[in-house]
Protein backbone atom coordinates (compact mmCIF):
# COMPACT_ATOMS: atom_id res chain seq x y z
CA MET A 1 86.87 72.47 191.31
CA LYS A 2 87.27 76.07 190.17
CA HIS A 3 84.13 78.08 190.31
CA GLY A 4 83.45 81.43 188.59
CA ARG A 5 81.05 83.37 186.37
CA THR A 6 81.22 82.57 182.73
CA ASN A 7 81.05 85.41 180.18
CA ARG A 8 77.50 85.91 178.99
CA ALA A 9 76.98 85.60 175.23
CA GLY A 10 74.35 87.55 173.29
CA PHE A 11 71.55 89.82 174.59
CA THR A 12 68.52 89.16 176.70
CA LEU A 13 65.04 89.61 175.23
CA ILE A 14 64.52 92.72 177.31
CA GLU A 15 67.70 94.29 176.00
CA ILE A 16 66.73 93.50 172.42
CA LEU A 17 63.26 95.05 172.92
CA ALA A 18 64.84 98.11 174.46
CA VAL A 19 67.07 98.58 171.41
CA ILE A 20 64.13 98.15 169.07
CA LEU A 21 62.16 100.71 171.09
CA ILE A 22 65.00 103.26 170.99
CA VAL A 23 65.49 102.76 167.24
CA GLY A 24 61.78 103.18 166.67
CA ILE A 25 61.69 106.43 168.64
CA LEU A 26 64.72 107.82 166.77
CA SER A 27 63.17 106.81 163.40
CA THR A 28 59.92 108.55 164.27
CA ILE A 29 61.72 111.74 165.26
CA LEU A 30 63.71 111.59 162.01
CA ILE A 31 60.63 111.06 159.86
CA VAL A 32 58.71 113.88 161.58
CA ASN A 33 61.67 116.30 161.11
CA MET A 34 61.99 115.30 157.46
CA THR A 35 58.26 115.71 156.86
CA GLU A 36 58.28 119.17 158.50
CA ALA A 37 61.32 120.17 156.38
CA SER A 38 59.59 118.91 153.21
CA ASP A 39 56.39 120.81 154.01
CA ALA A 40 58.38 123.99 154.75
CA SER A 41 60.15 123.65 151.37
CA LYS A 42 56.88 123.01 149.48
CA SER A 43 55.24 125.98 151.26
CA SER A 44 58.06 128.27 150.12
CA MET A 45 57.96 126.98 146.55
CA THR A 46 54.13 127.22 146.43
CA ARG A 47 54.33 130.85 147.56
CA GLN A 48 56.81 131.58 144.78
CA ASP A 49 54.48 129.87 142.29
CA LEU A 50 51.62 132.07 143.45
CA ILE A 51 53.73 135.21 143.04
CA MET A 52 54.66 134.14 139.52
CA LEU A 53 51.02 133.36 138.64
CA GLU A 54 50.01 136.73 140.14
CA GLY A 55 52.37 138.44 137.74
CA VAL A 56 50.86 136.55 134.79
CA ILE A 57 47.36 137.67 135.78
CA GLU A 58 48.54 141.27 136.05
CA SER A 59 49.95 140.99 132.54
CA TYR A 60 46.54 139.70 131.35
CA GLU A 61 44.85 142.74 132.94
CA ASP A 62 47.31 145.11 131.22
CA GLU A 63 46.46 143.56 127.87
CA TYR A 64 42.68 143.01 128.23
CA GLY A 65 41.58 145.69 130.70
CA ASP A 66 40.40 143.40 133.57
CA TYR A 67 41.45 140.36 135.52
CA PRO A 68 40.11 137.00 134.34
CA LYS A 69 36.74 136.19 135.96
CA SER A 70 36.48 133.42 138.52
CA TRP A 71 33.15 132.10 137.16
CA PHE A 72 31.70 130.82 133.93
CA ASP A 73 29.12 132.80 131.85
CA PRO A 74 25.85 130.97 131.22
CA ASP A 75 26.55 130.56 127.48
CA GLU A 76 29.69 128.65 128.32
CA GLY A 77 27.57 125.80 129.65
CA VAL A 78 29.61 125.13 132.84
CA PRO A 79 27.54 125.36 136.08
CA ASN A 80 29.11 127.61 138.72
CA ASP A 81 28.12 125.25 141.52
CA GLY A 82 30.70 122.65 140.50
CA THR A 83 34.07 122.08 142.13
CA ASN A 84 37.25 124.15 141.51
CA ILE A 85 35.33 126.63 139.38
CA GLY A 86 37.44 129.75 140.08
CA ILE A 87 40.80 128.29 139.11
CA GLU A 88 39.25 126.43 136.16
CA ALA A 89 37.78 129.72 134.84
CA LEU A 90 41.16 131.39 135.28
CA VAL A 91 42.96 128.64 133.30
CA GLN A 92 40.39 128.91 130.46
CA ALA A 93 40.90 132.68 130.30
CA LEU A 94 44.72 132.49 130.24
CA TRP A 95 44.67 129.89 127.49
CA SER A 96 42.19 131.70 125.24
CA LYS A 97 42.60 134.23 122.41
CA ASN A 98 45.87 132.43 121.63
CA TRP A 99 47.37 134.23 124.65
CA GLU A 100 48.70 131.00 126.27
CA ALA A 101 49.37 132.51 129.66
CA GLY A 102 51.54 135.18 128.11
CA GLY A 103 54.25 132.58 127.33
CA LEU A 104 55.22 132.57 131.02
CA ILE A 105 53.46 129.30 132.06
CA GLU A 106 53.78 125.99 130.35
CA PRO A 107 50.65 123.78 130.10
CA ASP A 108 52.46 120.95 131.92
CA LYS A 109 51.92 122.92 135.13
CA LEU A 110 48.22 122.14 134.82
CA GLN A 111 46.18 119.17 136.08
CA ASN A 112 42.56 118.10 135.98
CA THR A 113 42.37 117.02 139.58
CA ASP A 114 38.55 116.56 139.73
CA GLY A 115 38.38 114.99 136.23
CA ASP A 116 35.62 117.28 134.90
CA SER A 117 35.13 118.77 131.44
CA SER A 118 32.98 121.40 129.69
CA PRO A 119 30.26 120.56 127.16
CA GLN A 120 32.08 122.67 124.56
CA THR A 121 35.59 123.83 123.85
CA LEU A 122 36.12 127.12 125.64
CA GLY A 123 39.77 127.96 125.10
CA ASP A 124 42.89 126.54 123.56
CA LEU A 125 43.19 123.53 125.87
CA GLY A 126 40.22 121.48 124.68
CA ARG A 127 37.26 120.56 126.91
CA ASP A 128 39.13 119.45 130.06
CA LEU A 129 38.68 121.95 132.87
CA LEU A 130 42.25 122.19 134.12
CA GLU A 131 43.66 123.81 137.27
CA PHE A 132 46.89 125.19 138.48
CA VAL A 133 48.07 123.03 141.37
CA ASP A 134 50.31 123.70 144.38
CA ARG A 135 53.37 121.61 145.42
CA TRP A 136 51.04 119.04 147.06
CA ASP A 137 49.16 118.65 143.70
CA ASN A 138 46.02 120.29 145.07
CA PRO A 139 44.21 122.95 143.05
CA ILE A 140 44.99 126.60 143.85
CA ALA A 141 41.96 128.78 144.50
CA TYR A 142 41.42 131.87 142.38
CA ILE A 143 38.89 134.53 143.48
CA HIS A 144 38.15 137.64 141.35
CA ARG A 145 37.21 140.66 143.41
CA GLN A 146 33.56 140.35 142.30
CA ASP A 147 33.42 136.97 143.99
CA TYR A 148 34.92 137.97 147.34
CA GLU A 149 31.53 137.71 149.02
CA VAL A 150 30.69 134.32 147.48
CA LYS A 151 30.83 131.65 150.17
CA ASP A 152 29.56 128.47 148.56
CA ARG A 153 32.19 127.76 145.91
CA MET A 154 33.65 124.35 146.73
CA TYR A 155 37.10 122.98 145.97
CA LEU A 156 37.98 119.27 145.90
CA THR A 157 41.36 118.51 147.43
CA TRP A 158 43.14 115.65 149.14
CA ASP A 159 44.93 115.33 152.46
CA PRO A 160 48.60 114.83 151.49
CA ALA A 161 49.22 112.63 154.55
CA THR A 162 46.26 110.24 154.25
CA GLY A 163 45.00 110.68 150.75
CA GLU A 164 41.54 111.42 152.16
CA GLU A 165 39.25 113.47 149.96
CA ILE A 166 38.43 116.94 151.29
CA LEU A 167 35.69 119.28 150.14
CA SER A 168 36.13 122.82 151.44
CA SER A 169 35.27 126.39 150.49
CA PRO A 170 38.04 128.97 150.11
CA ARG A 171 37.11 132.43 151.36
CA ALA A 172 38.73 135.64 150.34
CA TYR A 173 40.90 136.94 153.16
CA GLU A 174 40.17 140.21 154.95
CA ASN A 175 42.62 142.51 156.61
CA PRO A 176 41.77 142.38 160.28
CA THR A 177 42.95 145.97 160.77
CA THR A 178 41.18 147.68 157.92
CA LYS A 179 38.25 145.22 157.67
CA ARG A 180 38.70 145.32 153.90
CA PHE A 181 39.62 142.38 151.68
CA TYR A 182 43.30 142.08 150.78
CA LYS A 183 43.75 143.01 147.10
CA HIS A 184 40.26 144.51 147.31
CA THR A 185 40.46 145.91 143.74
CA LYS A 186 42.09 142.89 142.23
CA PHE A 187 41.98 139.14 143.06
CA GLN A 188 43.29 136.58 145.49
CA LEU A 189 45.20 133.32 144.98
CA ILE A 190 45.16 130.83 147.81
CA SER A 191 46.78 127.40 148.35
CA ALA A 192 45.28 124.99 150.86
CA GLY A 193 48.77 124.31 152.19
CA SER A 194 50.14 121.17 153.77
CA ASP A 195 46.87 119.93 155.23
CA GLY A 196 45.02 120.18 151.94
CA GLN A 197 42.07 122.08 153.40
CA PHE A 198 41.13 125.69 152.74
CA GLY A 199 40.38 128.04 155.59
CA THR A 200 43.06 126.75 158.00
CA GLU A 201 46.18 128.44 159.37
CA ASP A 202 48.56 126.89 156.87
CA ASP A 203 46.82 128.42 153.80
CA ILE A 204 49.39 130.09 151.55
CA THR A 205 48.88 133.41 149.74
CA PRO A 206 51.25 135.57 147.70
CA PHE A 207 50.49 138.52 149.94
CA ASP A 208 51.32 138.94 153.67
CA ARG A 209 48.47 138.60 156.05
């Protein structure tokens, strides 16, 4: 009788599990790299959006003599302790007096992320209190120089990764060298960045800091 090893067919369970593990690791690395690349792209586009919006606000100041305020006056009926107040006040100003953001920004760039409204029509967009949003669809913070010291204005955002609701307070940025606020005679625009929370390292501004 002739004896010998027969050729083995198929894979063992251990080999199959090893292949699954390797594929899982490679997939995780690929997903992480794609997410990081996406966030980097969104960060760059958001900064360009802020630069464009900054130019629109400068045009408003050229025409009306001051930058739009980042609060609501008492007779407007909107409490200043609500969420997203700064950017909502900016939108109302830019879409008032038939100015329509100087023709440079289309209304489809606006959202009502916190779903609030004013008791009366304040500008040309009806009663909804709309906001400019960044590339993660979170509201951009707008702070007029007179509000640089205000520390209790809250913004409602969402974590892009988990969808978790975040309530945080954007603060005007100071230059660590001069100890003065950046844009100290003007205003600041701030995006919460990829983590959706203001006051963290990934915040995005149109100015270098």
